Amino acid sequence: MNKARAFKDTGWKREQRSLFARYSHKIGMVLVVNLCLNSEVMEFFPVEVIGNILSRLEDARDVVIASFTCRKWQEAWRNHLHTLKFNSDDWPVYDERMTRRFEVIITQTIFQTNALQCLSITMKKDVLSAAPVIAWLLSLSLERVTISALDLSRLLTVCPKIEVLNLVCLDFDTFGPGGTMKFRSNSLKDIHIQGIVLDEIILEADSLEKLQIKDFDLGIFKLLSKGTLRLLEMDDVYGFPPDIGENAENLEIVEFSNSTTWQPDFHHMISKLSKVRRMSLCGITFEDDVEVEDNDYFCLLFSIKSFILDV
């Protein structure tokens, strides 16, 4: 009986998932390499379990070394590695000249993985430039961060793949250059803005599908896109609706609540909602007393499949 057949007959194959999922955090580098070299044993290891083992290692350098010991571990590295840790102390020769090289190593390593969810970077003295490192981000959330509008624009510009953006209670530096944020993205699909104060926001997002604004004093908000917007939600907003151009014609879901606006602007946008399927208007206050007679507007309200009005 060969070793592979004996391995099957022991019943170990049936227990390997739970066993290594439970004790993978205790597996050191030496044991990892030994397992990789035993190709007959590794044949029966699921790549998901191998990815979990690699994610438990404390040093990214050890993870890279382990991933090159056999083909199956390379697959786990590319598609199932969810955690990676970098520490400048783990490098044998590290000085100020190594900082830029360290940034390149981190970036190149990240781009070789497809399932990375958690990234940890520890540096003792030097300042790490985030631009080359965060370029791979698909989702970014900033909450209670002090930053200038210009720096925020620059930060978002270096994220060419970002799809989801959350900006919550940002404290913009009043001594910074201006209160205008301009941002352009071809990949952004979902943006949530809450509790921030800016004089002007200009957003160019050709793929934007969801726009959510909450607790916001809307000065000038201009959206430039190719008509991909499908959902617009606004809660506790003064001065809505925003300038979304021709995007109103393709909106499918519209929800306005506890907000203040002007009747002409409001009626003008609502009258363009030719494809809306669900609309909710709750707690809407009009700043003016201008009476607007628009038959198309009232016909639209009656044609919407799901319509909630509570003013």
C-alpha atoms as a PDB file:
ATOM      1  CA  MET A   1       0.000   0.000   0.000  1.00  0.00           C
ATOM      2  CA  ASN A   2       1.530   3.317  -1.021  1.00  0.00           C
ATOM      3  CA  LYS A   3       1.707   6.328   1.265  1.00  0.00           C
ATOM      4  CA  ALA A   4      -1.097   8.190  -0.497  1.00  0.00           C
ATOM      5  CA  ARG A   5      -3.473   5.242  -0.061  1.00  0.00           C
ATOM      6  CA  ALA A   6      -2.450   4.865   3.580  1.00  0.00           C
ATOM      7  CA  PHE A   7      -3.130   8.557   4.119  1.00  0.00           C
ATOM      8  CA  LYS A   8      -6.664   8.094   2.826  1.00  0.00           C
ATOM      9  CA  ASP A   9      -7.337   5.011   4.922  1.00  0.00           C
ATOM     10  CA  THR A  10      -6.392   6.640   8.207  1.00  0.00           C
ATOM     11  CA  GLY A  11      -9.464   8.841   8.075  1.00  0.00           C
ATOM     12  CA  TRP A  12      -7.259  11.916   8.431  1.00  0.00           C
ATOM     13  CA  LYS A  13      -8.697  13.384   5.267  1.00  0.00           C
ATOM     14  CA  ARG A  14     -12.109  13.653   6.892  1.00  0.00           C
ATOM     15  CA  GLU A  15     -10.736  15.581   9.883  1.00  0.00           C
ATOM     16  CA  GLN A  16      -8.177  17.835   8.217  1.00  0.00           C
ATOM     17  CA  ARG A  17     -10.480  20.821   7.689  1.00  0.00           C
ATOM     18  CA  SER A  18     -11.568  21.197  11.299  1.00  0.00           C
ATOM     19  CA  LEU A  19      -8.153  20.300  12.732  1.00  0.00           C
ATOM     20  CA  PHE A  20      -6.117  22.813  10.772  1.00  0.00           C
ATOM     21  CA  ALA A  21      -8.793  25.491  11.016  1.00  0.00           C
ATOM     22  CA  ARG A  22      -8.537  25.119  14.806  1.00  0.00           C
ATOM     23  CA  TYR A  23      -4.763  24.951  15.189  1.00  0.00           C
ATOM     24  CA  SER A  24      -3.477  26.830  12.146  1.00  0.00           C
ATOM     25  CA  HIS A  25      -2.583  29.864  14.291  1.00  0.00           C
ATOM     26  CA  LYS A  26      -0.044  27.678  16.155  1.00  0.00           C
ATOM     27  CA  ILE A  27       1.700  26.416  13.030  1.00  0.00           C
ATOM     28  CA  GLY A  28       5.165  27.946  12.744  1.00  0.00           C
ATOM     29  CA  MET A  29       7.239  28.607   9.662  1.00  0.00           C
ATOM     30  CA  VAL A  30       9.229  25.374   9.944  1.00  0.00           C
ATOM     31  CA  LEU A  31       6.106  23.227  10.070  1.00  0.00           C
ATOM     32  CA  VAL A  32       4.576  25.124   7.164  1.00  0.00           C
ATOM     33  CA  VAL A  33       7.597  24.443   4.964  1.00  0.00           C
ATOM     34  CA  ASN A  34       7.689  20.767   5.991  1.00  0.00           C
ATOM     35  CA  LEU A  35       4.038  20.384   5.047  1.00  0.00           C
ATOM     36  CA  CYS A  36       4.667  22.007   1.682  1.00  0.00           C
ATOM     37  CA  LEU A  37       7.571  19.685   0.890  1.00  0.00           C
ATOM     38  CA  ASN A  38       5.422  16.623   1.577  1.00  0.00           C
ATOM     39  CA  SER A  39       3.486  16.817  -1.682  1.00  0.00           C
ATOM     40  CA  GLU A  40       1.603  13.561  -1.065  1.00  0.00           C
ATOM     41  CA  VAL A  41       0.127  14.940   2.156  1.00  0.00           C
ATOM     42  CA  MET A  42      -0.525  18.387   0.725  1.00  0.00           C
ATOM     43  CA  GLU A  43      -2.495  16.874  -2.148  1.00  0.00           C
ATOM     44  CA  PHE A  44      -5.472  16.456   0.175  1.00  0.00           C
ATOM     45  CA  PHE A  45      -5.362  19.895   1.783  1.00  0.00           C
ATOM     46  CA  PRO A  46      -8.064  22.311   0.567  1.00  0.00           C
ATOM     47  CA  VAL A  47      -6.630  25.588  -0.705  1.00  0.00           C
ATOM     48  CA  GLU A  48      -9.020  27.455   1.632  1.00  0.00           C
ATOM     49  CA  VAL A  49      -7.328  25.830   4.647  1.00  0.00           C
ATOM     50  CA  ILE A  50      -3.892  26.628   3.257  1.00  0.00           C
ATOM     51  CA  GLY A  51      -4.954  30.242   2.800  1.00  0.00           C
ATOM     52  CA  ASN A  52      -6.036  30.342   6.441  1.00  0.00           C
ATOM     53  CA  ILE A  53      -2.655  28.939   7.526  1.00  0.00           C
ATOM     54  CA  LEU A  54      -0.753  31.559   5.530  1.00  0.00           C
ATOM     55  CA  SER A  55      -2.966  34.306   6.942  1.00  0.00           C
ATOM     56  CA  ARG A  56      -1.961  33.300  10.493  1.00  0.00           C
ATOM     57  CA  LEU A  57       1.762  33.834   9.939  1.00  0.00           C
ATOM     58  CA  GLU A  58       3.149  36.920  11.663  1.00  0.00           C
ATOM     59  CA  ASP A  59       5.618  37.978   8.968  1.00  0.00           C
ATOM     60  CA  ALA A  60       4.707  38.726   5.359  1.00  0.00           C
ATOM     61  CA  ARG A  61       8.176  37.597   4.299  1.00  0.00           C
ATOM     62  CA  ASP A  62       7.496  34.108   5.676  1.00  0.00           C
ATOM     63  CA  VAL A  63       4.166  34.062   3.853  1.00  0.00           C
ATOM     64  CA  VAL A  64       5.867  34.827   0.537  1.00  0.00           C
ATOM     65  CA  ILE A  65       8.533  32.151   1.113  1.00  0.00           C
ATOM     66  CA  ALA A  66       5.925  29.536   2.010  1.00  0.00           C
ATOM     67  CA  SER A  67       3.820  30.370  -1.034  1.00  0.00           C
ATOM     68  CA  PHE A  68       6.677  29.443  -3.384  1.00  0.00           C
ATOM     69  CA  THR A  69       7.368  25.993  -1.921  1.00  0.00           C
ATOM     70  CA  CYS A  70       4.652  24.231  -3.937  1.00  0.00           C
ATOM     71  CA  ARG A  71       2.072  25.002  -6.592  1.00  0.00           C
ATOM     72  CA  LYS A  72      -0.944  24.491  -4.354  1.00  0.00           C
ATOM     73  CA  TRP A  73       0.353  27.008  -1.817  1.00  0.00           C
ATOM     74  CA  GLN A  74       0.884  29.498  -4.625  1.00  0.00           C
ATOM     75  CA  GLU A  75      -2.780  29.140  -5.521  1.00  0.00           C
ATOM     76  CA  ALA A  76      -3.767  29.685  -1.869  1.00  0.00           C
ATOM     77  CA  TRP A  77      -1.535  32.768  -1.762  1.00  0.00           C
ATOM     78  CA  ARG A  78      -3.158  34.289  -4.826  1.00  0.00           C
ATOM     79  CA  ASN A  79      -6.817  33.474  -4.145  1.00  0.00           C
ATOM     80  CA  HIS A  80      -7.329  32.696  -0.443  1.00  0.00           C
ATOM     81  CA  LEU A  81      -4.924  34.851   1.598  1.00  0.00           C
ATOM     82  CA  HIS A  82      -7.064  37.214   3.701  1.00  0.00           C
ATOM     83  CA  THR A  83      -4.532  38.753   6.152  1.00  0.00           C
ATOM     84  CA  LEU A  84      -1.039  40.116   5.607  1.00  0.00           C
ATOM     85  CA  LYS A  85       1.322  41.790   8.092  1.00  0.00           C
ATOM     86  CA  PHE A  86       4.391  43.882   7.330  1.00  0.00           C
ATOM     87  CA  ASN A  87       6.872  45.003   9.990  1.00  0.00           C
ATOM     88  CA  SER A  88      10.055  46.976   9.301  1.00  0.00           C
ATOM     89  CA  ASP A  89      11.809  45.105  12.144  1.00  0.00           C
ATOM     90  CA  ASP A  90      11.550  41.871  10.166  1.00  0.00           C
ATOM     91  CA  TRP A  91      13.922  43.145   7.497  1.00  0.00           C
ATOM     92  CA  PRO A  92      17.629  42.407   8.164  1.00  0.00           C
ATOM     93  CA  VAL A  93      18.887  45.740   6.836  1.00  0.00           C
ATOM     94  CA  TYR A  94      16.432  48.573   7.243  1.00  0.00           C
ATOM     95  CA  ASP A  95      17.326  52.255   7.151  1.00  0.00           C
ATOM     96  CA  GLU A  96      15.968  55.472   5.675  1.00  0.00           C
ATOM     97  CA  ARG A  97      17.070  54.466   2.182  1.00  0.00           C
ATOM     98  CA  MET A  98      15.013  51.305   2.497  1.00  0.00           C
ATOM     99  CA  THR A  99      11.733  53.158   3.111  1.00  0.00           C
ATOM    100  CA  ARG A 100      10.831  53.709  -0.546  1.00  0.00           C
ATOM    101  CA  ARG A 101      11.885  50.171  -1.386  1.00  0.00           C
ATOM    102  CA  PHE A 102       9.700  48.915   1.448  1.00  0.00           C
ATOM    103  CA  GLU A 103       6.708  50.742  -0.049  1.00  0.00           C
ATOM    104  CA  VAL A 104       7.335  49.130  -3.433  1.00  0.00           C
ATOM    105  CA  ILE A 105       7.628  45.672  -1.871  1.00  0.00           C
ATOM    106  CA  ILE A 106       4.324  46.108  -0.038  1.00  0.00           C
ATOM    107  CA  THR A 107       2.559  47.320  -3.166  1.00  0.00           C
ATOM    108  CA  GLN A 108       3.920  44.550  -5.393  1.00  0.00           C
ATOM    109  CA  THR A 109       3.047  41.919  -2.798  1.00  0.00           C
ATOM    110  CA  ILE A 110      -0.517  43.184  -2.453  1.00  0.00           C
ATOM    111  CA  PHE A 111      -1.112  43.166  -6.200  1.00  0.00           C
ATOM    112  CA  GLN A 112      -0.290  39.445  -6.317  1.00  0.00           C
ATOM    113  CA  THR A 113      -3.262  38.601  -4.073  1.00  0.00           C
ATOM    114  CA  ASN A 114      -6.966  38.588  -4.954  1.00  0.00           C
ATOM    115  CA  ALA A 115      -8.697  37.977  -1.605  1.00  0.00           C
ATOM    116  CA  LEU A 116      -6.814  40.246   0.819  1.00  0.00           C
ATOM    117  CA  GLN A 117      -9.130  41.813   3.422  1.00  0.00           C
ATOM    118  CA  CYS A 118      -6.847  42.943   6.256  1.00  0.00           C
ATOM    119  CA  LEU A 119      -3.496  44.706   5.883  1.00  0.00           C
ATOM    120  CA  SER A 120      -1.219  45.612   8.804  1.00  0.00           C
ATOM    121  CA  ILE A 121       1.877  47.819   8.369  1.00  0.00           C
ATOM    122  CA  THR A 122       4.203  48.582  11.293  1.00  0.00           C
ATOM    123  CA  MET A 123       7.090  51.029  10.924  1.00  0.00           C
ATOM    124  CA  LYS A 124       9.346  52.308  13.681  1.00  0.00           C
ATOM    125  CA  LYS A 125      10.749  55.632  12.517  1.00  0.00           C
ATOM    126  CA  ASP A 126      10.106  56.601   8.932  1.00  0.00           C
ATOM    127  CA  VAL A 127       6.845  57.846   7.465  1.00  0.00           C
ATOM    128  CA  LEU A 128       5.229  55.530   4.973  1.00  0.00           C
ATOM    129  CA  SER A 129       3.806  57.123   1.837  1.00  0.00           C
ATOM    130  CA  ALA A 130       0.286  55.754   1.544  1.00  0.00           C
ATOM    131  CA  ALA A 131      -0.172  56.513  -2.150  1.00  0.00           C
ATOM    132  CA  PRO A 132       1.533  53.409  -3.614  1.00  0.00           C
ATOM    133  CA  VAL A 133       0.076  51.168  -0.915  1.00  0.00           C
ATOM    134  CA  ILE A 134      -3.619  52.111  -1.025  1.00  0.00           C
ATOM    135  CA  ALA A 135      -3.861  52.105  -4.803  1.00  0.00           C
ATOM    136  CA  TRP A 136      -5.434  48.645  -4.654  1.00  0.00           C
ATOM    137  CA  LEU A 137      -8.327  49.679  -2.369  1.00  0.00           C
ATOM    138  CA  LEU A 138     -11.871  48.866  -3.490  1.00  0.00           C
ATOM    139  CA  SER A 139     -13.578  50.346  -0.420  1.00  0.00           C
ATOM    140  CA  LEU A 140     -12.598  53.299   1.775  1.00  0.00           C
ATOM    141  CA  SER A 141     -14.298  54.584   4.922  1.00  0.00           C
ATOM    142  CA  LEU A 142     -13.202  57.767   6.703  1.00  0.00           C
ATOM    143  CA  GLU A 143     -14.922  58.677   9.973  1.00  0.00           C
ATOM    144  CA  ARG A 144     -14.078  61.580  12.312  1.00  0.00           C
ATOM    145  CA  VAL A 145     -10.875  62.391  10.452  1.00  0.00           C
ATOM    146  CA  THR A 146      -9.300  65.858  10.271  1.00  0.00           C
ATOM    147  CA  ILE A 147      -8.240  66.623   6.715  1.00  0.00           C
ATOM    148  CA  SER A 148      -8.286  69.464   4.204  1.00  0.00           C
ATOM    149  CA  ALA A 149     -10.581  69.313   1.194  1.00  0.00           C
ATOM    150  CA  LEU A 150      -7.558  69.395  -1.097  1.00  0.00           C
ATOM    151  CA  ASP A 151      -5.828  66.510   0.688  1.00  0.00           C
ATOM    152  CA  LEU A 152      -9.037  64.482   0.576  1.00  0.00           C
ATOM    153  CA  SER A 153      -9.279  65.062  -3.162  1.00  0.00           C
ATOM    154  CA  ARG A 154      -5.687  63.925  -3.569  1.00  0.00           C
ATOM    155  CA  LEU A 155      -6.277  60.859  -1.411  1.00  0.00           C
ATOM    156  CA  LEU A 156      -9.237  59.763  -3.502  1.00  0.00           C
ATOM    157  CA  THR A 157      -7.368  60.413  -6.729  1.00  0.00           C
ATOM    158  CA  VAL A 158      -4.710  57.808  -5.880  1.00  0.00           C
ATOM    159  CA  CYS A 159      -7.377  55.106  -5.486  1.00  0.00           C
ATOM    160  CA  PRO A 160      -8.090  54.248  -9.138  1.00  0.00           C
ATOM    161  CA  LYS A 161     -10.019  51.058  -8.281  1.00  0.00           C
ATOM    162  CA  ILE A 162     -12.239  52.339  -5.471  1.00  0.00           C
ATOM    163  CA  GLU A 163     -15.911  51.327  -5.741  1.00  0.00           C
ATOM    164  CA  VAL A 164     -17.369  52.190  -2.314  1.00  0.00           C
ATOM    165  CA  LEU A 165     -16.677  55.442  -0.418  1.00  0.00           C
ATOM    166  CA  ASN A 166     -17.978  56.466   3.029  1.00  0.00           C
ATOM    167  CA  LEU A 167     -17.263  59.970   4.371  1.00  0.00           C
ATOM    168  CA  VAL A 168     -18.681  60.443   7.878  1.00  0.00           C
ATOM    169  CA  CYS A 169     -18.222  63.457  10.196  1.00  0.00           C
ATOM    170  CA  LEU A 170     -15.015  64.716   8.631  1.00  0.00           C
ATOM    171  CA  ASP A 171     -13.405  67.769  10.225  1.00  0.00           C
ATOM    172  CA  PHE A 172     -12.112  69.835   7.338  1.00  0.00           C
ATOM    173  CA  ASP A 173      -9.107  72.024   8.040  1.00  0.00           C
ATOM    174  CA  THR A 174     -10.457  75.580   7.800  1.00  0.00           C
ATOM    175  CA  PHE A 175      -6.933  76.874   7.296  1.00  0.00           C
ATOM    176  CA  GLY A 176      -6.491  74.675   4.265  1.00  0.00           C
ATOM    177  CA  PRO A 177      -6.800  75.904   0.666  1.00  0.00           C
ATOM    178  CA  GLY A 178     -10.522  76.446   0.118  1.00  0.00           C
ATOM    179  CA  GLY A 179     -13.685  74.572   0.972  1.00  0.00           C
ATOM    180  CA  THR A 180     -14.107  72.863  -2.381  1.00  0.00           C
ATOM    181  CA  MET A 181     -13.641  69.175  -3.023  1.00  0.00           C
ATOM    182  CA  LYS A 182     -13.253  67.978  -6.593  1.00  0.00           C
ATOM    183  CA  PHE A 183     -13.024  64.274  -7.215  1.00  0.00           C
ATOM    184  CA  ARG A 184     -13.027  62.188 -10.366  1.00  0.00           C
ATOM    185  CA  SER A 185     -13.374  58.410 -10.487  1.00  0.00           C
ATOM    186  CA  ASN A 186     -14.230  55.972 -13.244  1.00  0.00           C
ATOM    187  CA  SER A 187     -14.735  53.075 -10.813  1.00  0.00           C
ATOM    188  CA  LEU A 188     -16.802  54.570  -7.945  1.00  0.00           C
ATOM    189  CA  LYS A 189     -20.260  52.957  -7.672  1.00  0.00           C
ATOM    190  CA  ASP A 190     -21.478  53.814  -4.167  1.00  0.00           C
ATOM    191  CA  ILE A 191     -20.872  56.945  -2.070  1.00  0.00           C
ATOM    192  CA  HIS A 192     -22.231  57.852   1.373  1.00  0.00           C
ATOM    193  CA  ILE A 193     -21.701  61.376   2.755  1.00  0.00           C
ATOM    194  CA  GLN A 194     -22.731  62.292   6.300  1.00  0.00           C
ATOM    195  CA  GLY A 195     -22.160  65.153   8.707  1.00  0.00           C
ATOM    196  CA  ILE A 196     -19.625  67.194   6.749  1.00  0.00           C
ATOM    197  CA  VAL A 197     -19.504  70.885   5.805  1.00  0.00           C
ATOM    198  CA  LEU A 198     -18.105  72.069   2.482  1.00  0.00           C
ATOM    199  CA  ASP A 199     -18.876  75.041   0.272  1.00  0.00           C
ATOM    200  CA  GLU A 200     -18.746  73.019  -2.908  1.00  0.00           C
ATOM    201  CA  ILE A 201     -18.492  69.390  -4.008  1.00  0.00           C
ATOM    202  CA  ILE A 202     -17.936  68.463  -7.637  1.00  0.00           C
ATOM    203  CA  LEU A 203     -18.028  64.733  -8.250  1.00  0.00           C
ATOM    204  CA  GLU A 204     -17.210  63.191 -11.609  1.00  0.00           C
ATOM    205  CA  ALA A 205     -18.135  59.513 -11.427  1.00  0.00           C
ATOM    206  CA  ASP A 206     -19.080  57.802 -14.659  1.00  0.00           C
ATOM    207  CA  SER A 207     -20.119  54.544 -12.949  1.00  0.00           C
ATOM    208  CA  LEU A 208     -21.910  55.885  -9.847  1.00  0.00           C
ATOM    209  CA  GLU A 209     -25.066  53.905  -8.988  1.00  0.00           C
ATOM    210  CA  LYS A 210     -25.862  54.945  -5.387  1.00  0.00           C
ATOM    211  CA  LEU A 211     -25.708  58.401  -3.776  1.00  0.00           C
ATOM    212  CA  GLN A 212     -26.610  58.735  -0.081  1.00  0.00           C
ATOM    213  CA  ILE A 213     -26.400  62.081   1.740  1.00  0.00           C
ATOM    214  CA  LYS A 214     -27.268  62.577   5.423  1.00  0.00           C
ATOM    215  CA  ASP A 215     -26.975  65.455   7.909  1.00  0.00           C
ATOM    216  CA  PHE A 216     -25.547  67.796   5.328  1.00  0.00           C
ATOM    217  CA  ASP A 217     -25.887  71.507   4.510  1.00  0.00           C
ATOM    218  CA  LEU A 218     -25.916  71.243   0.753  1.00  0.00           C
ATOM    219  CA  GLY A 219     -24.230  74.271  -0.770  1.00  0.00           C
ATOM    220  CA  ILE A 220     -23.114  73.428  -4.278  1.00  0.00           C
ATOM    221  CA  PHE A 221     -23.192  69.726  -5.062  1.00  0.00           C
ATOM    222  CA  LYS A 222     -22.694  68.820  -8.684  1.00  0.00           C
ATOM    223  CA  LEU A 223     -22.621  65.284 -10.046  1.00  0.00           C
ATOM    224  CA  LEU A 224     -21.176  64.633 -13.479  1.00  0.00           C
ATOM    225  CA  SER A 225     -21.681  61.110 -14.779  1.00  0.00           C
ATOM    226  CA  LYS A 226     -23.025  59.102 -17.684  1.00  0.00           C
ATOM    227  CA  GLY A 227     -26.520  58.527 -16.326  1.00  0.00           C
ATOM    228  CA  THR A 228     -25.742  55.417 -14.272  1.00  0.00           C
ATOM    229  CA  LEU A 229     -27.275  56.685 -10.999  1.00  0.00           C
ATOM    230  CA  ARG A 230     -30.098  54.405  -9.821  1.00  0.00           C
ATOM    231  CA  LEU A 231     -30.584  55.269  -6.128  1.00  0.00           C
ATOM    232  CA  LEU A 232     -30.725  58.681  -4.426  1.00  0.00           C
ATOM    233  CA  GLU A 233     -31.259  58.942  -0.654  1.00  0.00           C
ATOM    234  CA  MET A 234     -31.231  62.197   1.326  1.00  0.00           C
ATOM    235  CA  ASP A 235     -31.935  62.546   5.046  1.00  0.00           C
ATOM    236  CA  ASP A 236     -31.691  65.722   7.144  1.00  0.00           C
ATOM    237  CA  VAL A 237     -30.357  67.768   4.249  1.00  0.00           C
ATOM    238  CA  TYR A 238     -30.766  71.504   3.722  1.00  0.00           C
ATOM    239  CA  GLY A 239     -30.916  72.757   0.160  1.00  0.00           C
ATOM    240  CA  PHE A 240     -31.617  69.519  -1.697  1.00  0.00           C
ATOM    241  CA  PRO A 241     -31.938  68.317  -4.419  1.00  0.00           C
ATOM    242  CA  PRO A 242     -28.354  68.256  -5.689  1.00  0.00           C
ATOM    243  CA  ASP A 243     -27.428  69.037  -9.255  1.00  0.00           C
ATOM    244  CA  ILE A 244     -27.315  65.563 -10.782  1.00  0.00           C
ATOM    245  CA  GLY A 245     -27.903  66.618 -14.377  1.00  0.00           C
ATOM    246  CA  GLU A 246     -29.442  63.996 -16.646  1.00  0.00           C
ATOM    247  CA  ASN A 247     -29.051  61.285 -13.981  1.00  0.00           C
ATOM    248  CA  ALA A 248     -32.568  62.047 -12.731  1.00  0.00           C
ATOM    249  CA  GLU A 249     -34.042  60.418 -15.810  1.00  0.00           C
ATOM    250  CA  ASN A 250     -32.583  57.006 -14.899  1.00  0.00           C
ATOM    251  CA  LEU A 251     -33.269  57.036 -11.154  1.00  0.00           C
ATOM    252  CA  GLU A 252     -35.252  54.032  -9.922  1.00  0.00           C
ATOM    253  CA  ILE A 253     -35.348  54.631  -6.144  1.00  0.00           C
ATOM    254  CA  VAL A 254     -35.700  58.079  -4.535  1.00  0.00           C
ATOM    255  CA  GLU A 255     -36.000  58.692  -0.790  1.00  0.00           C
ATOM    256  CA  PHE A 256     -36.137  62.189   0.763  1.00  0.00           C
ATOM    257  CA  SER A 257     -36.748  62.638   4.506  1.00  0.00           C
ATOM    258  CA  ASN A 258     -36.503  65.422   7.112  1.00  0.00           C
ATOM    259  CA  SER A 259     -35.055  67.845   4.583  1.00  0.00           C
ATOM    260  CA  THR A 260     -35.572  71.425   3.440  1.00  0.00           C
ATOM    261  CA  THR A 261     -35.655  72.639  -0.151  1.00  0.00           C
ATOM    262  CA  TRP A 262     -37.224  75.122  -2.570  1.00  0.00           C
ATOM    263  CA  GLN A 263     -40.359  74.155  -4.458  1.00  0.00           C
ATOM    264  CA  PRO A 264     -39.239  75.091  -8.002  1.00  0.00           C
ATOM    265  CA  ASP A 265     -36.018  73.060  -7.735  1.00  0.00           C
ATOM    266  CA  PHE A 266     -37.807  70.143  -6.112  1.00  0.00           C
ATOM    267  CA  HIS A 267     -40.611  70.004  -8.679  1.00  0.00           C
ATOM    268  CA  HIS A 268     -38.139  70.372 -11.531  1.00  0.00           C
ATOM    269  CA  MET A 269     -36.167  67.302 -10.485  1.00  0.00           C
ATOM    270  CA  ILE A 270     -39.198  65.188  -9.569  1.00  0.00           C
ATOM    271  CA  SER A 271     -40.764  65.851 -12.965  1.00  0.00           C
ATOM    272  CA  LYS A 272     -37.750  64.198 -14.631  1.00  0.00           C
ATOM    273  CA  LEU A 273     -38.115  60.870 -12.821  1.00  0.00           C
ATOM    274  CA  SER A 274     -39.417  58.914 -15.779  1.00  0.00           C
ATOM    275  CA  LYS A 275     -38.067  55.530 -14.626  1.00  0.00           C
ATOM    276  CA  VAL A 276     -38.581  55.741 -10.861  1.00  0.00           C
ATOM    277  CA  ARG A 277     -40.116  52.611  -9.279  1.00  0.00           C
ATOM    278  CA  ARG A 278     -40.172  53.650  -5.628  1.00  0.00           C
ATOM    279  CA  MET A 279     -40.257  57.102  -4.063  1.00  0.00           C
ATOM    280  CA  SER A 280     -40.572  58.129  -0.424  1.00  0.00           C
ATOM    281  CA  LEU A 281     -41.120  61.735   0.723  1.00  0.00           C
ATOM    282  CA  CYS A 282     -41.257  62.132   4.520  1.00  0.00           C
ATOM    283  CA  GLY A 283     -40.908  65.331   6.537  1.00  0.00           C
ATOM    284  CA  ILE A 284     -40.191  67.624   3.595  1.00  0.00           C
ATOM    285  CA  THR A 285     -40.128  71.371   4.335  1.00  0.00           C
ATOM    286  CA  PHE A 286     -40.244  74.039   1.628  1.00  0.00           C
ATOM    287  CA  GLU A 287     -38.238  77.196   2.247  1.00  0.00           C
ATOM    288  CA  ASP A 288     -40.460  79.324  -0.014  1.00  0.00           C
ATOM    289  CA  ASP A 289     -44.197  79.727  -0.576  1.00  0.00           C
ATOM    290  CA  VAL A 290     -44.082  79.704  -4.359  1.00  0.00           C
ATOM    291  CA  GLU A 291     -46.917  77.734  -5.895  1.00  0.00           C
ATOM    292  CA  VAL A 292     -45.826  75.581  -8.796  1.00  0.00           C
ATOM    293  CA  GLU A 293     -48.375  74.223 -11.227  1.00  0.00           C
ATOM    294  CA  ASP A 294     -46.902  71.282 -13.089  1.00  0.00           C
ATOM    295  CA  ASN A 295     -49.303  68.690 -14.462  1.00  0.00           C
ATOM    296  CA  ASP A 296     -46.461  66.343 -15.428  1.00  0.00           C
ATOM    297  CA  TYR A 297     -45.275  66.388 -11.814  1.00  0.00           C
ATOM    298  CA  PHE A 298     -48.629  65.302 -10.384  1.00  0.00           C
ATOM    299  CA  CYS A 299     -49.157  62.677 -13.090  1.00  0.00           C
ATOM    300  CA  LEU A 300     -45.781  61.208 -12.233  1.00  0.00           C
ATOM    301  CA  LEU A 301     -46.651  60.843  -8.544  1.00  0.00           C
ATOM    302  CA  PHE A 302     -49.732  58.807  -9.390  1.00  0.00           C
ATOM    303  CA  SER A 303     -47.829  56.586 -11.844  1.00  0.00           C
ATOM    304  CA  ILE A 304     -45.112  55.459  -9.396  1.00  0.00           C
ATOM    305  CA  LYS A 305     -45.552  51.834  -8.308  1.00  0.00           C
ATOM    306  CA  SER A 306     -44.481  52.458  -4.713  1.00  0.00           C
ATOM    307  CA  PHE A 307     -45.056  55.958  -3.395  1.00  0.00           C
ATOM    308  CA  ILE A 308     -44.981  57.151   0.226  1.00  0.00           C
ATOM    309  CA  LEU A 309     -45.893  60.725   1.109  1.00  0.00           C
ATOM    310  CA  ASP A 310     -45.728  62.010   4.682  1.00  0.00           C
ATOM    311  CA  VAL A 311     -45.275  65.762   4.952  1.00  0.00           C
END
